[in-house]
C-alpha atoms as a PDB file:
ATOM      1  CA  UNK A   1      96.858 -71.919  76.583  1.00  0.00           C
ATOM      2  CA  UNK A   2      93.383 -72.104  77.984  1.00  0.00           C
ATOM      3  CA  UNK A   3      92.025 -69.501  75.580  1.00  0.00           C
ATOM      4  CA  UNK A   4      91.106 -70.756  72.103  1.00  0.00           C
ATOM      5  CA  UNK A   5      92.875 -67.873  70.354  1.00  0.00           C
ATOM      6  CA  UNK A   6      96.188 -68.432  72.179  1.00  0.00           C
ATOM      7  CA  UNK A   7      97.563 -70.868  69.601  1.00  0.00           C
ATOM      8  CA  UNK A   8      96.478 -68.702  66.698  1.00  0.00           C
ATOM      9  CA  UNK A   9      98.054 -65.620  68.228  1.00  0.00           C
ATOM     10  CA  UNK A  10     101.237 -67.568  68.839  1.00  0.00           C
ATOM     11  CA  UNK A  11     101.365 -68.638  65.219  1.00  0.00           C
ATOM     12  CA  UNK A  12     100.782 -65.069  64.065  1.00  0.00           C
ATOM     13  CA  UNK A  13     103.672 -63.899  66.240  1.00  0.00           C
ATOM     14  CA  UNK A  14     106.270 -65.550  63.986  1.00  0.00           C
ATOM     15  CA  UNK A  15     105.484 -63.569  60.823  1.00  0.00           C
ATOM     16  CA  UNK A  16     104.692 -60.497  62.921  1.00  0.00           C
ATOM     17  CA  UNK A  17     108.198 -60.262  64.346  1.00  0.00           C
ATOM     18  CA  UNK A  18     110.116 -61.890  61.519  1.00  0.00           C
ATOM     19  CA  UNK A  19     108.632 -60.177  58.475  1.00  0.00           C
ATOM     20  CA  UNK A  20     108.014 -56.743  59.906  1.00  0.00           C
ATOM     21  CA  UNK A  21     111.580 -55.485  59.524  1.00  0.00           C
ATOM     22  CA  UNK A  22     110.302 -53.067  56.879  1.00  0.00           C
ATOM     23  CA  UNK A  23     106.953 -51.619  55.955  1.00  0.00           C
ATOM     24  CA  UNK A  24     107.027 -53.258  52.509  1.00  0.00           C
ATOM     25  CA  UNK A  25     107.803 -56.681  53.968  1.00  0.00           C
ATOM     26  CA  UNK A  26     105.063 -56.335  56.558  1.00  0.00           C
ATOM     27  CA  UNK A  27     102.544 -55.285  53.922  1.00  0.00           C
ATOM     28  CA  UNK A  28     103.495 -58.177  51.649  1.00  0.00           C
ATOM     29  CA  UNK A  29     103.191 -60.828  54.350  1.00  0.00           C
ATOM     30  CA  UNK A  30      99.928 -59.371  55.626  1.00  0.00           C
ATOM     31  CA  UNK A  31      98.428 -59.342  52.129  1.00  0.00           C
ATOM     32  CA  UNK A  32      99.607 -62.934  51.560  1.00  0.00           C
ATOM     33  CA  UNK A  33      98.071 -63.961  54.898  1.00  0.00           C
ATOM     34  CA  UNK A  34      94.765 -62.270  54.095  1.00  0.00           C
ATOM     35  CA  UNK A  35      94.669 -63.775  50.596  1.00  0.00           C
ATOM     36  CA  UNK A  36      95.419 -67.311  51.776  1.00  0.00           C
ATOM     37  CA  UNK A  37      93.036 -67.246  54.753  1.00  0.00           C
ATOM     38  CA  UNK A  38      90.148 -65.721  52.784  1.00  0.00           C
ATOM     39  CA  UNK A  39      90.635 -68.130  49.862  1.00  0.00           C
ATOM     40  CA  UNK A  40      90.827 -71.071  52.261  1.00  0.00           C
ATOM     41  CA  UNK A  41      87.671 -69.957  54.040  1.00  0.00           C
ATOM     42  CA  UNK A  42      85.817 -69.566  50.746  1.00  0.00           C
ATOM     43  CA  UNK A  43      86.909 -72.965  49.475  1.00  0.00           C
ATOM     44  CA  UNK A  44      86.232 -74.769  52.759  1.00  0.00           C
ATOM     45  CA  UNK A  45      82.855 -73.083  53.064  1.00  0.00           C
ATOM     46  CA  UNK A  46      81.461 -75.126  50.204  1.00  0.00           C
ATOM     47  CA  UNK A  47      82.625 -78.516  51.524  1.00  0.00           C
ATOM     48  CA  UNK A  48      82.856 -77.986  55.282  1.00  0.00           C
ATOM     49  CA  UNK A  49      79.429 -79.378  56.146  1.00  0.00           C
ATOM     50  CA  UNK A  50      79.919 -82.483  53.951  1.00  0.00           C
ATOM     51  CA  UNK A  51      83.109 -83.664  55.636  1.00  0.00           C
ATOM     52  CA  UNK A  52      83.706 -85.464  58.899  1.00  0.00           C
ATOM     53  CA  UNK A  53      86.095 -83.916  61.419  1.00  0.00           C
ATOM     54  CA  UNK A  54      89.020 -86.069  60.269  1.00  0.00           C
ATOM     55  CA  UNK A  55      88.342 -85.364  56.601  1.00  0.00           C
ATOM     56  CA  UNK A  56      88.024 -81.676  57.345  1.00  0.00           C
ATOM     57  CA  UNK A  57      91.505 -81.592  58.911  1.00  0.00           C
ATOM     58  CA  UNK A  58      93.035 -83.318  55.894  1.00  0.00           C
ATOM     59  CA  UNK A  59      91.178 -81.184  53.366  1.00  0.00           C
ATOM     60  CA  UNK A  60      92.069 -78.027  55.227  1.00  0.00           C
ATOM     61  CA  UNK A  61      95.767 -78.928  55.461  1.00  0.00           C
ATOM     62  CA  UNK A  62      96.004 -79.846  51.773  1.00  0.00           C
ATOM     63  CA  UNK A  63      94.107 -76.719  50.739  1.00  0.00           C
ATOM     64  CA  UNK A  64      96.214 -74.424  52.931  1.00  0.00           C
ATOM     65  CA  UNK A  65      99.465 -75.937  51.657  1.00  0.00           C
ATOM     66  CA  UNK A  66      98.254 -75.649  48.057  1.00  0.00           C
ATOM     67  CA  UNK A  67      97.236 -72.019  48.473  1.00  0.00           C
ATOM     68  CA  UNK A  68     100.528 -71.144  50.171  1.00  0.00           C
ATOM     69  CA  UNK A  69     102.521 -72.873  47.418  1.00  0.00           C
ATOM     70  CA  UNK A  70     100.520 -71.151  44.665  1.00  0.00           C
ATOM     71  CA  UNK A  71     100.977 -67.788  46.374  1.00  0.00           C
ATOM     72  CA  UNK A  72     104.708 -68.512  46.569  1.00  0.00           C
ATOM     73  CA  UNK A  73     104.852 -69.383  42.857  1.00  0.00           C
ATOM     74  CA  UNK A  74     103.021 -66.199  41.894  1.00  0.00           C
ATOM     75  CA  UNK A  75     105.284 -64.079  44.100  1.00  0.00           C
ATOM     76  CA  UNK A  76     108.392 -65.800  42.781  1.00  0.00           C
ATOM     77  CA  UNK A  77     107.363 -65.205  39.176  1.00  0.00           C
ATOM     78  CA  UNK A  78     106.123 -61.616  39.376  1.00  0.00           C
ATOM     79  CA  UNK A  79     107.707 -60.150  42.488  1.00  0.00           C
ATOM     80  CA  UNK A  80     111.025 -61.822  43.286  1.00  0.00           C
ATOM     81  CA  UNK A  81     112.114 -59.288  45.919  1.00  0.00           C
ATOM     82  CA  UNK A  82     108.962 -59.567  48.068  1.00  0.00           C
ATOM     83  CA  UNK A  83     109.117 -63.355  47.570  1.00  0.00           C
ATOM     84  CA  UNK A  84     112.479 -63.474  49.329  1.00  0.00           C
ATOM     85  CA  UNK A  85     110.955 -61.739  52.344  1.00  0.00           C
ATOM     86  CA  UNK A  86     107.724 -63.712  52.542  1.00  0.00           C
ATOM     87  CA  UNK A  87     108.846 -67.154  51.358  1.00  0.00           C
ATOM     88  CA  UNK A  88     109.890 -68.192  54.858  1.00  0.00           C
ATOM     89  CA  UNK A  89     106.502 -67.302  56.293  1.00  0.00           C
ATOM     90  CA  UNK A  90     104.149 -68.882  53.749  1.00  0.00           C
ATOM     91  CA  UNK A  91     104.206 -72.183  55.645  1.00  0.00           C
ATOM     92  CA  UNK A  92     103.356 -70.391  58.896  1.00  0.00           C
ATOM     93  CA  UNK A  93     100.515 -68.636  57.129  1.00  0.00           C
ATOM     94  CA  UNK A  94      99.132 -71.962  55.920  1.00  0.00           C
ATOM     95  CA  UNK A  95      99.473 -73.434  59.395  1.00  0.00           C
ATOM     96  CA  UNK A  96      97.634 -70.505  60.963  1.00  0.00           C
ATOM     97  CA  UNK A  97      94.825 -71.007  58.427  1.00  0.00           C
ATOM     98  CA  UNK A  98      94.519 -74.651  59.456  1.00  0.00           C
ATOM     99  CA  UNK A  99      94.466 -73.714  63.138  1.00  0.00           C
ATOM    100  CA  UNK A 100      91.816 -71.055  62.506  1.00  0.00           C
ATOM    101  CA  UNK A 101      89.678 -73.615  60.698  1.00  0.00           C
ATOM    102  CA  UNK A 102      90.064 -76.190  63.454  1.00  0.00           C
ATOM    103  CA  UNK A 103      89.188 -73.686  66.141  1.00  0.00           C
ATOM    104  CA  UNK A 104      86.011 -72.944  64.208  1.00  0.00           C
ATOM    105  CA  UNK A 105      86.961 -69.285  63.942  1.00  0.00           C
ATOM    106  CA  UNK A 106      86.165 -69.243  60.249  1.00  0.00           C
ATOM    107  CA  UNK A 107      83.019 -71.352  60.570  1.00  0.00           C
ATOM    108  CA  UNK A 108      81.479 -68.424  62.369  1.00  0.00           C
ATOM    109  CA  UNK A 109      79.307 -66.647  59.844  1.00  0.00           C
ATOM    110  CA  UNK A 110      79.920 -63.204  61.253  1.00  0.00           C
ATOM    111  CA  UNK A 111      82.043 -61.299  58.828  1.00  0.00           C
ATOM    112  CA  UNK A 112      82.954 -58.791  61.531  1.00  0.00           C
ATOM    113  CA  UNK A 113      84.982 -61.379  63.492  1.00  0.00           C
ATOM    114  CA  UNK A 114      87.042 -62.289  60.428  1.00  0.00           C
ATOM    115  CA  UNK A 115      87.580 -58.675  59.449  1.00  0.00           C
ATOM    116  CA  UNK A 116      88.557 -57.753  62.996  1.00  0.00           C
ATOM    117  CA  UNK A 117      91.213 -60.480  63.125  1.00  0.00           C
ATOM    118  CA  UNK A 118      92.605 -59.497  59.720  1.00  0.00           C
ATOM    119  CA  UNK A 119      92.498 -55.814  60.633  1.00  0.00           C
ATOM    120  CA  UNK A 120      94.231 -56.271  63.972  1.00  0.00           C
ATOM    121  CA  UNK A 121      96.923 -58.461  62.456  1.00  0.00           C
ATOM    122  CA  UNK A 122      97.401 -55.953  59.636  1.00  0.00           C
ATOM    123  CA  UNK A 123      97.520 -53.062  62.065  1.00  0.00           C
ATOM    124  CA  UNK A 124     100.193 -54.765  64.151  1.00  0.00           C
ATOM    125  CA  UNK A 125     102.155 -55.831  61.052  1.00  0.00           C
ATOM    126  CA  UNK A 126     102.138 -52.403  59.433  1.00  0.00           C
ATOM    127  CA  UNK A 127     102.666 -50.503  62.678  1.00  0.00           C
ATOM    128  CA  UNK A 128     105.564 -52.666  63.786  1.00  0.00           C
ATOM    129  CA  UNK A 129     107.044 -52.610  60.275  1.00  0.00           C
ATOM    130  CA  UNK A 130     106.894 -48.827  60.081  1.00  0.00           C
ATOM    131  CA  UNK A 131     108.377 -48.386  63.564  1.00  0.00           C
ATOM    132  CA  UNK A 132     111.157 -50.883  62.937  1.00  0.00           C
ATOM    133  CA  UNK A 133     112.042 -49.280  59.615  1.00  0.00           C
ATOM    134  CA  UNK A 134     112.074 -45.846  61.223  1.00  0.00           C
ATOM    135  CA  UNK A 135     114.154 -46.906  64.233  1.00  0.00           C
ATOM    136  CA  UNK A 136     116.540 -49.087  62.177  1.00  0.00           C
ATOM    137  CA  UNK A 137     118.107 -46.034  60.568  1.00  0.00           C
ATOM    138  CA  UNK A 138     119.479 -45.010  63.972  1.00  0.00           C
ATOM    139  CA  UNK A 139     119.623 -48.394  65.696  1.00  0.00           C
ATOM    140  CA  UNK A 140     120.418 -51.354  63.410  1.00  0.00           C
ATOM    141  CA  UNK A 141     119.251 -53.876  66.056  1.00  0.00           C
ATOM    142  CA  UNK A 142     115.658 -52.851  65.337  1.00  0.00           C
ATOM    143  CA  UNK A 143     115.862 -54.445  61.874  1.00  0.00           C
ATOM    144  CA  UNK A 144     116.786 -57.836  63.348  1.00  0.00           C
ATOM    145  CA  UNK A 145     114.373 -60.295  64.973  1.00  0.00           C
ATOM    146  CA  UNK A 146     115.564 -59.594  68.552  1.00  0.00           C
ATOM    147  CA  UNK A 147     114.881 -55.907  67.950  1.00  0.00           C
ATOM    148  CA  UNK A 148     111.398 -56.824  66.771  1.00  0.00           C
ATOM    149  CA  UNK A 149     110.748 -58.785  69.955  1.00  0.00           C
ATOM    150  CA  UNK A 150     112.077 -55.945  72.094  1.00  0.00           C
ATOM    151  CA  UNK A 151     109.983 -53.343  70.269  1.00  0.00           C
ATOM    152  CA  UNK A 152     106.878 -55.539  70.411  1.00  0.00           C
ATOM    153  CA  UNK A 153     107.434 -56.066  74.138  1.00  0.00           C
ATOM    154  CA  UNK A 154     107.779 -52.325  74.692  1.00  0.00           C
ATOM    155  CA  UNK A 155     104.601 -51.642  72.706  1.00  0.00           C
ATOM    156  CA  UNK A 156     102.658 -54.266  74.654  1.00  0.00           C
ATOM    157  CA  UNK A 157     104.002 -52.877  77.942  1.00  0.00           C
ATOM    158  CA  UNK A 158     102.940 -49.366  76.907  1.00  0.00           C
ATOM    159  CA  UNK A 159      99.483 -50.679  76.036  1.00  0.00           C
ATOM    160  CA  UNK A 160      99.267 -52.442  79.394  1.00  0.00           C
ATOM    161  CA  UNK A 161     100.329 -49.280  81.228  1.00  0.00           C
ATOM    162  CA  UNK A 162      97.812 -47.233  79.245  1.00  0.00           C
ATOM    163  CA  UNK A 163      94.918 -49.562  80.050  1.00  0.00           C
ATOM    164  CA  UNK A 164      95.991 -49.882  83.709  1.00  0.00           C
ATOM    165  CA  UNK A 165      96.038 -46.096  84.051  1.00  0.00           C
ATOM    166  CA  UNK A 166      92.438 -45.750  82.901  1.00  0.00           C
ATOM    167  CA  UNK A 167      89.920 -45.488  85.744  1.00  0.00           C
ATOM    168  CA  UNK A 168      88.050 -48.668  86.572  1.00  0.00           C
ATOM    169  CA  UNK A 169      84.376 -48.716  87.392  1.00  0.00           C
ATOM    170  CA  UNK A 170      83.532 -50.147  90.820  1.00  0.00           C
ATOM    171  CA  UNK A 171      81.059 -52.594  89.292  1.00  0.00           C
ATOM    172  CA  UNK A 172      83.733 -54.226  87.153  1.00  0.00           C
ATOM    173  CA  UNK A 173      86.173 -54.833  89.983  1.00  0.00           C
ATOM    174  CA  UNK A 174      85.457 -58.070  91.758  1.00  0.00           C
ATOM    175  CA  UNK A 175      87.610 -59.209  94.649  1.00  0.00           C
ATOM    176  CA  UNK A 176      89.518 -62.400  94.137  1.00  0.00           C
ATOM    177  CA  UNK A 177      89.706 -64.955  96.928  1.00  0.00           C
END
């Protein structure tokens, strides 16, 4: 885990594989993630520069847990079926918000970086959810978590094969010792 995004990507893997058994579940969890992370960023933006590092961790954790609990209450009251799907992942969403804040990913004032992360996560969530829902009609394993891991592994392997097949420029290739 020498890359700063490795922990965040690992935390996003749990809802990605677990909640993407259907397109509706994937959309619900992605919208909850986007809502919680954006609200946390907006709230922390006003107090971030006034807090020490230790206070920032505590404030961020309390805020993320509060936002996740409030999102859970709203879902439970107005959308009980989607709540059953996303209730397990609201804690992971809050934790990923805290990790993003601590890695200073949200401190960055570039909106494009935040939108790119949300867009990529949404793209993976919705794509995997649609594929799993489509494949689950013929192969019930695809609706379960192991099927999600297998399908995600196959998609990542296909992406790796696609990028490896593209021609490399001679200036980019550097010999390794």
